[in-house]
PDB file of all heavy atoms in Angstrom:
ATOM      1  N   SER A   1      70.360  77.316  -0.459  1.00  0.00           N
ATOM      2  CA  SER A   1      69.775  77.571  -1.778  1.00  0.00           C
ATOM      3  C   SER A   1      68.623  78.546  -1.683  1.00  0.00           C
ATOM      4  O   SER A   1      67.606  78.279  -1.054  1.00  0.00           O
ATOM      5  CB  SER A   1      69.284  76.248  -2.383  1.00  0.00           C
ATOM      6  OG  SER A   1      68.624  76.495  -3.588  1.00  0.00           O
ATOM      7  N   TRP A   2      68.761  79.711  -2.306  1.00  0.00           N
ATOM      8  CA  TRP A   2      67.739  80.735  -2.348  1.00  0.00           C
ATOM      9  C   TRP A   2      66.476  80.206  -3.004  1.00  0.00           C
ATOM     10  O   TRP A   2      65.379  80.593  -2.662  1.00  0.00           O
ATOM     11  CB  TRP A   2      68.255  81.925  -3.133  1.00  0.00           C
ATOM     12  CG  TRP A   2      67.943  83.234  -2.501  1.00  0.00           C
ATOM     13  CD1 TRP A   2      68.835  84.048  -1.879  1.00  0.00           C
ATOM     14  CD2 TRP A   2      66.702  83.913  -2.429  1.00  0.00           C
ATOM     15  NE1 TRP A   2      68.213  85.173  -1.425  1.00  0.00           N
ATOM     16  CE2 TRP A   2      66.904  85.115  -1.762  1.00  0.00           C
ATOM     17  CE3 TRP A   2      65.428  83.635  -2.860  1.00  0.00           C
ATOM     18  CZ2 TRP A   2      65.891  86.035  -1.517  1.00  0.00           C
ATOM     19  CZ3 TRP A   2      64.415  84.542  -2.613  1.00  0.00           C
ATOM     20  CH2 TRP A   2      64.650  85.718  -1.959  1.00  0.00           C
ATOM     21  N   GLN A   3      66.606  79.336  -3.992  1.00  0.00           N
ATOM     22  CA  GLN A   3      65.470  78.853  -4.740  1.00  0.00           C
ATOM     23  C   GLN A   3      64.527  78.022  -3.871  1.00  0.00           C
ATOM     24  O   GLN A   3      63.378  77.861  -4.209  1.00  0.00           O
ATOM     25  CB  GLN A   3      65.904  78.003  -5.946  1.00  0.00           C
ATOM     26  CG  GLN A   3      66.567  78.792  -7.062  1.00  0.00           C
ATOM     27  CD  GLN A   3      68.019  79.131  -6.762  1.00  0.00           C
ATOM     28  OE1 GLN A   3      68.641  78.554  -5.878  1.00  0.00           O
ATOM     29  NE2 GLN A   3      68.559  80.093  -7.478  1.00  0.00           N
ATOM     30  N   GLU A   4      65.013  77.520  -2.767  1.00  0.00           N
ATOM     31  CA  GLU A   4      64.218  76.597  -1.949  1.00  0.00           C
ATOM     32  C   GLU A   4      63.614  77.219  -0.712  1.00  0.00           C
ATOM     33  O   GLU A   4      62.596  76.728  -0.230  1.00  0.00           O
ATOM     34  CB  GLU A   4      65.080  75.414  -1.548  1.00  0.00           C
ATOM     35  CG  GLU A   4      65.584  74.603  -2.718  1.00  0.00           C
ATOM     36  CD  GLU A   4      66.612  73.570  -2.282  1.00  0.00           C
ATOM     37  OE1 GLU A   4      66.755  73.359  -1.064  1.00  0.00           O
ATOM     38  OE2 GLU A   4      67.251  73.004  -3.169  1.00  0.00           O
ATOM     39  N   THR A   5      64.221  78.226  -0.146  1.00  0.00           N
ATOM     40  CA  THR A   5      63.771  78.708   1.149  1.00  0.00           C
ATOM     41  C   THR A   5      63.726  80.232   1.249  1.00  0.00           C
ATOM     42  O   THR A   5      64.318  80.943   0.443  1.00  0.00           O
ATOM     43  CB  THR A   5      64.699  78.212   2.273  1.00  0.00           C
ATOM     44  OG1 THR A   5      65.997  78.717   2.033  1.00  0.00           O
ATOM     45  CG2 THR A   5      64.730  76.692   2.332  1.00  0.00           C
ATOM     46  N   LEU A   6      63.073  80.681   2.290  1.00  0.00           N
ATOM     47  CA  LEU A   6      63.002  82.095   2.616  1.00  0.00           C
ATOM     48  C   LEU A   6      64.359  82.558   3.136  1.00  0.00           C
ATOM     49  O   LEU A   6      65.005  81.819   3.897  1.00  0.00           O
ATOM     50  CB  LEU A   6      61.937  82.272   3.697  1.00  0.00           C
ATOM     51  CG  LEU A   6      61.345  83.646   3.914  1.00  0.00           C
ATOM     52  CD1 LEU A   6      60.670  84.150   2.659  1.00  0.00           C
ATOM     53  CD2 LEU A   6      60.353  83.600   5.069  1.00  0.00           C
ATOM     54  N   PRO A   7      64.820  83.746   2.759  1.00  0.00           N
ATOM     55  CA  PRO A   7      66.099  84.243   3.278  1.00  0.00           C
ATOM     56  C   PRO A   7      66.076  84.323   4.803  1.00  0.00           C
ATOM     57  O   PRO A   7      65.050  84.660   5.403  1.00  0.00           O
ATOM     58  CB  PRO A   7      66.218  85.642   2.662  1.00  0.00           C
ATOM     59  CG  PRO A   7      65.276  85.666   1.535  1.00  0.00           C
ATOM     60  CD  PRO A   7      64.197  84.692   1.841  1.00  0.00           C
ATOM     61  N   GLU A   8      67.206  84.032   5.410  1.00  0.00           N
ATOM     62  CA  GLU A   8      67.319  84.012   6.859  1.00  0.00           C
ATOM     63  C   GLU A   8      66.827  85.291   7.517  1.00  0.00           C
ATOM     64  O   GLU A   8      66.182  85.252   8.564  1.00  0.00           O
ATOM     65  CB  GLU A   8      68.790  83.806   7.263  1.00  0.00           C
ATOM     66  CG  GLU A   8      69.285  82.418   7.113  1.00  0.00           C
ATOM     67  CD  GLU A   8      70.759  82.312   7.488  1.00  0.00           C
ATOM     68  OE1 GLU A   8      71.276  83.207   8.176  1.00  0.00           O
ATOM     69  OE2 GLU A   8      71.384  81.326   7.087  1.00  0.00           O
ATOM     70  N   TYR A   9      67.131  86.438   6.941  1.00  0.00           N
ATOM     71  CA  TYR A   9      66.789  87.697   7.591  1.00  0.00           C
ATOM     72  C   TYR A   9      65.290  87.909   7.697  1.00  0.00           C
ATOM     73  O   TYR A   9      64.832  88.733   8.498  1.00  0.00           O
ATOM     74  CB  TYR A   9      67.480  88.899   6.930  1.00  0.00           C
ATOM     75  CG  TYR A   9      67.008  89.243   5.532  1.00  0.00           C
ATOM     76  CD1 TYR A   9      65.972  90.143   5.337  1.00  0.00           C
ATOM     77  CD2 TYR A   9      67.616  88.682   4.411  1.00  0.00           C
ATOM     78  CE1 TYR A   9      65.546  90.486   4.069  1.00  0.00           C
ATOM     79  CE2 TYR A   9      67.195  89.024   3.145  1.00  0.00           C
ATOM     80  CZ  TYR A   9      66.160  89.919   2.979  1.00  0.00           C
ATOM     81  OH  TYR A   9      65.747  90.245   1.717  1.00  0.00           O
ATOM     82  N   LEU A  10      64.476  87.164   6.946  1.00  0.00           N
ATOM     83  CA  LEU A  10      63.023  87.310   7.049  1.00  0.00           C
ATOM     84  C   LEU A  10      62.401  86.383   8.098  1.00  0.00           C
ATOM     85  O   LEU A  10      61.215  86.493   8.384  1.00  0.00           O
ATOM     86  CB  LEU A  10      62.369  87.055   5.693  1.00  0.00           C
ATOM     87  CG  LEU A  10      62.647  88.117   4.624  1.00  0.00           C
ATOM     88  CD1 LEU A  10      62.024  87.719   3.301  1.00  0.00           C
ATOM     89  CD2 LEU A  10      62.129  89.479   5.073  1.00  0.00           C
ATOM     90  N   LEU A  11      63.180  85.503   8.658  1.00  0.00           N
ATOM     91  CA  LEU A  11      62.643  84.538   9.610  1.00  0.00           C
ATOM     92  C   LEU A  11      62.318  85.140  10.977  1.00  0.00           C
ATOM     93  O   LEU A  11      61.652  84.497  11.789  1.00  0.00           O
ATOM     94  CB  LEU A  11      63.594  83.352   9.771  1.00  0.00           C
ATOM     95  CG  LEU A  11      63.824  82.528   8.507  1.00  0.00           C
ATOM     96  CD1 LEU A  11      64.851  81.444   8.774  1.00  0.00           C
ATOM     97  CD2 LEU A  11      62.521  81.946   7.989  1.00  0.00           C
ATOM     98  N   GLU A  12      62.742  86.376  11.237  1.00  0.00           N
ATOM     99  CA  GLU A  12      62.432  86.979  12.531  1.00  0.00           C
ATOM    100  C   GLU A  12      61.058  87.630  12.553  1.00  0.00           C
ATOM    101  O   GLU A  12      60.577  88.041  13.611  1.00  0.00           O
ATOM    102  CB  GLU A  12      63.501  87.996  12.928  1.00  0.00           C
ATOM    103  CG  GLU A  12      63.525  89.259  12.106  1.00  0.00           C
ATOM    104  CD  GLU A  12      64.587  90.235  12.588  1.00  0.00           C
ATOM    105  OE1 GLU A  12      64.306  91.019  13.518  1.00  0.00           O
ATOM    106  OE2 GLU A  12      65.697  90.203  12.025  1.00  0.00           O
ATOM    107  N   TRP A  13      60.385  87.716  11.392  1.00  0.00           N
ATOM    108  CA  TRP A  13      59.084  88.369  11.303  1.00  0.00           C
ATOM    109  C   TRP A  13      58.013  87.381  10.843  1.00  0.00           C
ATOM    110  O   TRP A  13      58.328  86.323  10.291  1.00  0.00           O
ATOM    111  CB  TRP A  13      59.164  89.531  10.323  1.00  0.00           C
ATOM    112  CG  TRP A  13      60.158  90.573  10.727  1.00  0.00           C
ATOM    113  CD1 TRP A  13      60.151  91.321  11.882  1.00  0.00           C
ATOM    114  CD2 TRP A  13      61.315  90.981  10.001  1.00  0.00           C
ATOM    115  NE1 TRP A  13      61.226  92.168  11.902  1.00  0.00           N
ATOM    116  CE2 TRP A  13      61.965  91.987  10.746  1.00  0.00           C
ATOM    117  CE3 TRP A  13      61.860  90.609   8.779  1.00  0.00           C
ATOM    118  CZ2 TRP A  13      63.117  92.607  10.322  1.00  0.00           C
ATOM    119  CZ3 TRP A  13      63.013  91.225   8.354  1.00  0.00           C
ATOM    120  CH2 TRP A  13      63.632  92.226   9.136  1.00  0.00           C
ATOM    121  N   PRO A  14      56.752  87.731  11.035  1.00  0.00           N
ATOM    122  CA  PRO A  14      55.660  86.837  10.609  1.00  0.00           C
ATOM    123  C   PRO A  14      55.712  86.536   9.117  1.00  0.00           C
ATOM    124  O   PRO A  14      56.008  87.410   8.305  1.00  0.00           O
ATOM    125  CB  PRO A  14      54.390  87.626  10.947  1.00  0.00           C
ATOM    126  CG  PRO A  14      54.795  88.599  12.008  1.00  0.00           C
ATOM    127  CD  PRO A  14      56.234  88.925  11.705  1.00  0.00           C
ATOM    128  N   ARG A  15      55.445  85.276   8.797  1.00  0.00           N
ATOM    129  CA  ARG A  15      55.396  84.824   7.410  1.00  0.00           C
ATOM    130  C   ARG A  15      53.963  84.387   7.089  1.00  0.00           C
ATOM    131  O   ARG A  15      53.466  83.422   7.658  1.00  0.00           O
ATOM    132  CB  ARG A  15      56.342  83.643   7.184  1.00  0.00           C
ATOM    133  CG  ARG A  15      57.803  84.002   7.104  1.00  0.00           C
ATOM    134  CD  ARG A  15      58.566  83.906   8.386  1.00  0.00           C
ATOM    135  NE  ARG A  15      58.524  82.598   9.055  1.00  0.00           N
ATOM    136  CZ  ARG A  15      58.789  82.460  10.343  1.00  0.00           C
ATOM    137  NH1 ARG A  15      59.093  83.519  11.083  1.00  0.00           N
ATOM    138  NH2 ARG A  15      58.758  81.284  10.920  1.00  0.00           N
ATOM    139  N   LEU A  16      53.311  85.124   6.210  1.00  0.00           N
ATOM    140  CA  LEU A  16      51.941  84.813   5.818  1.00  0.00           C
ATOM    141  C   LEU A  16      52.003  83.984   4.543  1.00  0.00           C
ATOM    142  O   LEU A  16      52.763  84.292   3.635  1.00  0.00           O
ATOM    143  CB  LEU A  16      51.154  86.104   5.568  1.00  0.00           C
ATOM    144  CG  LEU A  16      51.299  87.200   6.633  1.00  0.00           C
ATOM    145  CD1 LEU A  16      50.525  88.435   6.224  1.00  0.00           C
ATOM    146  CD2 LEU A  16      50.890  86.706   7.995  1.00  0.00           C
ATOM    147  N   ARG A  17      51.190  82.933   4.484  1.00  0.00           N
ATOM    148  CA  ARG A  17      51.257  82.041   3.326  1.00  0.00           C
ATOM    149  C   ARG A  17      49.897  81.750   2.694  1.00  0.00           C
ATOM    150  O   ARG A  17      49.825  81.084   1.681  1.00  0.00           O
ATOM    151  CB  ARG A  17      51.923  80.741   3.739  1.00  0.00           C
ATOM    152  CG  ARG A  17      53.392  80.934   4.074  1.00  0.00           C
ATOM    153  CD  ARG A  17      54.162  79.629   4.092  1.00  0.00           C
ATOM    154  NE  ARG A  17      55.580  79.890   4.098  1.00  0.00           N
ATOM    155  CZ  ARG A  17      56.291  80.093   5.195  1.00  0.00           C
ATOM    156  NH1 ARG A  17      55.731  80.063   6.375  1.00  0.00           N
ATOM    157  NH2 ARG A  17      57.588  80.322   5.107  1.00  0.00           N
ATOM    158  N   SER A  18      48.837  82.221   3.299  1.00  0.00           N
ATOM    159  CA  SER A  18      47.495  81.902   2.811  1.00  0.00           C
ATOM    160  C   SER A  18      46.542  83.044   3.109  1.00  0.00           C
ATOM    161  O   SER A  18      46.876  83.970   3.860  1.00  0.00           O
ATOM    162  CB  SER A  18      46.988  80.628   3.482  1.00  0.00           C
ATOM    163  OG  SER A  18      46.795  80.864   4.875  1.00  0.00           O
ATOM    164  N   ASP A  19      45.358  82.958   2.542  1.00  0.00           N
ATOM    165  CA  ASP A  19      44.331  83.952   2.842  1.00  0.00           C
ATOM    166  C   ASP A  19      44.006  83.961   4.332  1.00  0.00           C
ATOM    167  O   ASP A  19      43.819  85.027   4.920  1.00  0.00           O
ATOM    168  CB  ASP A  19      43.049  83.668   2.038  1.00  0.00           C
ATOM    169  CG  ASP A  19      43.204  84.003   0.561  1.00  0.00           C
ATOM    170  OD1 ASP A  19      44.199  84.658   0.182  1.00  0.00           O
ATOM    171  OD2 ASP A  19      42.322  83.601  -0.229  1.00  0.00           O
ATOM    172  N   SER A  20      43.945  82.784   4.943  1.00  0.00           N
ATOM    173  CA  SER A  20      43.633  82.743   6.379  1.00  0.00           C
ATOM    174  C   SER A  20      44.738  83.394   7.204  1.00  0.00           C
ATOM    175  O   SER A  20      44.465  84.020   8.226  1.00  0.00           O
ATOM    176  CB  SER A  20      43.336  81.322   6.842  1.00  0.00           C
ATOM    177  OG  SER A  20      44.464  80.511   6.700  1.00  0.00           O
ATOM    178  N   ASP A  21      46.002  83.268   6.777  1.00  0.00           N
ATOM    179  CA  ASP A  21      47.107  83.962   7.464  1.00  0.00           C
ATOM    180  C   ASP A  21      46.951  85.483   7.329  1.00  0.00           C
ATOM    181  O   ASP A  21      47.195  86.233   8.282  1.00  0.00           O
ATOM    182  CB  ASP A  21      48.460  83.546   6.901  1.00  0.00           C
ATOM    183  CG  ASP A  21      48.864  82.132   7.295  1.00  0.00           C
ATOM    184  OD1 ASP A  21      48.142  81.475   8.077  1.00  0.00           O
ATOM    185  OD2 ASP A  21      49.905  81.669   6.778  1.00  0.00           O
ATOM    186  N   ILE A  22      46.554  85.928   6.141  1.00  0.00           N
ATOM    187  CA  ILE A  22      46.300  87.367   5.945  1.00  0.00           C
ATOM    188  C   ILE A  22      45.187  87.819   6.872  1.00  0.00           C
ATOM    189  O   ILE A  22      45.250  88.896   7.457  1.00  0.00           O
ATOM    190  CB  ILE A  22      45.976  87.681   4.474  1.00  0.00           C
ATOM    191  CG1 ILE A  22      47.203  87.450   3.579  1.00  0.00           C
ATOM    192  CG2 ILE A  22      45.486  89.131   4.320  1.00  0.00           C
ATOM    193  CD1 ILE A  22      46.929  87.554   2.090  1.00  0.00           C
ATOM    194  N   ASP A  23      44.171  86.983   7.033  1.00  0.00           N
ATOM    195  CA  ASP A  23      43.044  87.332   7.916  1.00  0.00           C
ATOM    196  C   ASP A  23      43.505  87.468   9.361  1.00  0.00           C
ATOM    197  O   ASP A  23      43.093  88.396  10.062  1.00  0.00           O
ATOM    198  CB  ASP A  23      41.936  86.284   7.799  1.00  0.00           C
ATOM    199  CG  ASP A  23      41.330  86.215   6.399  1.00  0.00           C
ATOM    200  OD1 ASP A  23      41.491  87.176   5.609  1.00  0.00           O
ATOM    201  OD2 ASP A  23      40.686  85.189   6.107  1.00  0.00           O
ATOM    202  N   VAL A  24      44.356  86.557   9.815  1.00  0.00           N
ATOM    203  CA  VAL A  24      44.914  86.636  11.177  1.00  0.00           C
ATOM    204  C   VAL A  24      45.697  87.937  11.329  1.00  0.00           C
ATOM    205  O   VAL A  24      45.533  88.677  12.308  1.00  0.00           O
ATOM    206  CB  VAL A  24      45.820  85.410  11.480  1.00  0.00           C
ATOM    207  CG1 VAL A  24      46.649  85.631  12.744  1.00  0.00           C
ATOM    208  CG2 VAL A  24      44.984  84.148  11.595  1.00  0.00           C
ATOM    209  N   PHE A  25      46.557  88.209  10.375  1.00  0.00           N
ATOM    210  CA  PHE A  25      47.353  89.431  10.360  1.00  0.00           C
ATOM    211  C   PHE A  25      46.453  90.665  10.411  1.00  0.00           C
ATOM    212  O   PHE A  25      46.670  91.582  11.203  1.00  0.00           O
ATOM    213  CB  PHE A  25      48.231  89.459   9.113  1.00  0.00           C
ATOM    214  CG  PHE A  25      48.985  90.744   8.902  1.00  0.00           C
ATOM    215  CD1 PHE A  25      50.211  90.939   9.491  1.00  0.00           C
ATOM    216  CD2 PHE A  25      48.464  91.748   8.098  1.00  0.00           C
ATOM    217  CE1 PHE A  25      50.914  92.132   9.312  1.00  0.00           C
ATOM    218  CE2 PHE A  25      49.148  92.935   7.911  1.00  0.00           C
ATOM    219  CZ  PHE A  25      50.381  93.115   8.507  1.00  0.00           C
ATOM    220  N   ALA A  26      45.410  90.681   9.584  1.00  0.00           N
ATOM    221  CA  ALA A  26      44.504  91.830   9.493  1.00  0.00           C
ATOM    222  C   ALA A  26      43.755  92.066  10.806  1.00  0.00           C
ATOM    223  O   ALA A  26      43.615  93.207  11.253  1.00  0.00           O
ATOM    224  CB  ALA A  26      43.520  91.643   8.351  1.00  0.00           C
ATOM    225  N   ARG A  27      43.293  91.000  11.419  1.00  0.00           N
ATOM    226  CA  ARG A  27      42.586  91.143  12.709  1.00  0.00           C
ATOM    227  C   ARG A  27      43.508  91.756  13.765  1.00  0.00           C
ATOM    228  O   ARG A  27      43.119  92.665  14.500  1.00  0.00           O
ATOM    229  CB  ARG A  27      42.029  89.807  13.176  1.00  0.00           C
ATOM    230  CG  ARG A  27      40.760  89.389  12.473  1.00  0.00           C
ATOM    231  CD  ARG A  27      40.108  88.203  13.141  1.00  0.00           C
ATOM    232  NE  ARG A  27      40.931  86.999  13.124  1.00  0.00           N
ATOM    233  CZ  ARG A  27      40.950  86.117  12.133  1.00  0.00           C
ATOM    234  NH1 ARG A  27      40.172  86.299  11.074  1.00  0.00           N
ATOM    235  NH2 ARG A  27      41.719  85.046  12.203  1.00  0.00           N
ATOM    236  N   GLU A  28      44.739  91.239  13.833  1.00  0.00           N
ATOM    237  CA  GLU A  28      45.682  91.771  14.813  1.00  0.00           C
ATOM    238  C   GLU A  28      46.085  93.200  14.459  1.00  0.00           C
ATOM    239  O   GLU A  28      46.252  94.046  15.342  1.00  0.00           O
ATOM    240  CB  GLU A  28      46.919  90.862  14.912  1.00  0.00           C
ATOM    241  CG  GLU A  28      47.846  91.222  16.019  1.00  0.00           C
ATOM    242  CD  GLU A  28      47.228  91.145  17.412  1.00  0.00           C
ATOM    243  OE1 GLU A  28      46.255  90.381  17.618  1.00  0.00           O
ATOM    244  OE2 GLU A  28      47.719  91.861  18.306  1.00  0.00           O
ATOM    245  N   TYR A  29      46.230  93.482  13.180  1.00  0.00           N
ATOM    246  CA  TYR A  29      46.575  94.832  12.733  1.00  0.00           C
ATOM    247  C   TYR A  29      45.510  95.826  13.187  1.00  0.00           C
ATOM    248  O   TYR A  29      45.809  96.886  13.725  1.00  0.00           O
ATOM    249  CB  TYR A  29      46.724  94.858  11.213  1.00  0.00           C
ATOM    250  CG  TYR A  29      47.052  96.218  10.666  1.00  0.00           C
ATOM    251  CD1 TYR A  29      48.368  96.678  10.626  1.00  0.00           C
ATOM    252  CD2 TYR A  29      46.058  97.057  10.192  1.00  0.00           C
ATOM    253  CE1 TYR A  29      48.685  97.928  10.134  1.00  0.00           C
ATOM    254  CE2 TYR A  29      46.347  98.311   9.704  1.00  0.00           C
ATOM    255  CZ  TYR A  29      47.655  98.755   9.684  1.00  0.00           C
ATOM    256  OH  TYR A  29      47.962  99.991   9.201  1.00  0.00           O
ATOM    257  N   LYS A  30      44.264  95.468  12.980  1.00  0.00           N
ATOM    258  CA  LYS A  30      43.169  96.353  13.381  1.00  0.00           C
ATOM    259  C   LYS A  30      43.125  96.502  14.901  1.00  0.00           C
ATOM    260  O   LYS A  30      42.881  97.600  15.412  1.00  0.00           O
ATOM    261  CB  LYS A  30      41.834  95.822  12.870  1.00  0.00           C
ATOM    262  CG  LYS A  30      41.635  96.078  11.402  1.00  0.00           C
ATOM    263  CD  LYS A  30      40.272  95.611  10.961  1.00  0.00           C
ATOM    264  CE  LYS A  30      39.868  96.297   9.702  1.00  0.00           C
ATOM    265  NZ  LYS A  30      38.501  95.970   9.322  1.00  0.00           N
ATOM    266  N   ARG A  31      43.376  95.416  15.607  1.00  0.00           N
ATOM    267  CA  ARG A  31      43.335  95.445  17.060  1.00  0.00           C
ATOM    268  C   ARG A  31      44.400  96.381  17.620  1.00  0.00           C
ATOM    269  O   ARG A  31      44.191  97.086  18.593  1.00  0.00           O
ATOM    270  CB  ARG A  31      43.523  94.046  17.622  1.00  0.00           C
ATOM    271  CG  ARG A  31      43.232  93.918  19.114  1.00  0.00           C
ATOM    272  CD  ARG A  31      43.334  92.498  19.601  1.00  0.00           C
ATOM    273  NE  ARG A  31      44.681  92.029  19.794  1.00  0.00           N
ATOM    274  CZ  ARG A  31      45.480  92.419  20.776  1.00  0.00           C
ATOM    275  NH1 ARG A  31      45.086  93.335  21.614  1.00  0.00           N
ATOM    276  NH2 ARG A  31      46.689  91.923  20.894  1.00  0.00           N
ATOM    277  N   GLN A  32      45.560  96.391  17.009  1.00  0.00           N
ATOM    278  CA  GLN A  32      46.667  97.196  17.533  1.00  0.00           C
ATOM    279  C   GLN A  32      46.931  98.476  16.762  1.00  0.00           C
ATOM    280  O   GLN A  32      47.873  99.185  17.060  1.00  0.00           O
ATOM    281  CB  GLN A  32      47.942  96.346  17.560  1.00  0.00           C
ATOM    282  CG  GLN A  32      47.874  95.262  18.578  1.00  0.00           C
ATOM    283  CD  GLN A  32      49.242  94.684  18.908  1.00  0.00           C
ATOM    284  OE1 GLN A  32      50.269  95.254  18.576  1.00  0.00           O
ATOM    285  NE2 GLN A  32      49.254  93.560  19.576  1.00  0.00           N
ATOM    286  N   SER A  33      46.098  98.799  15.781  1.00  0.00           N
ATOM    287  CA  SER A  33      46.408  99.953  14.924  1.00  0.00           C
ATOM    288  C   SER A  33      46.491 101.266  15.685  1.00  0.00           C
ATOM    289  O   SER A  33      47.345 102.099  15.379  1.00  0.00           O
ATOM    290  CB  SER A  33      45.415 100.055  13.768  1.00  0.00           C
ATOM    291  OG  SER A  33      44.122 100.318  14.271  1.00  0.00           O
TER     292      SER A  33
END
């Protein structure tokens, strides 16, 4: 059911769900930019 879950093809990449997840992503992005 699409209504309930993330599509399978997106499960191979990071899934951000909160501001703190965005912060983790941003720190790593800056580190490796």
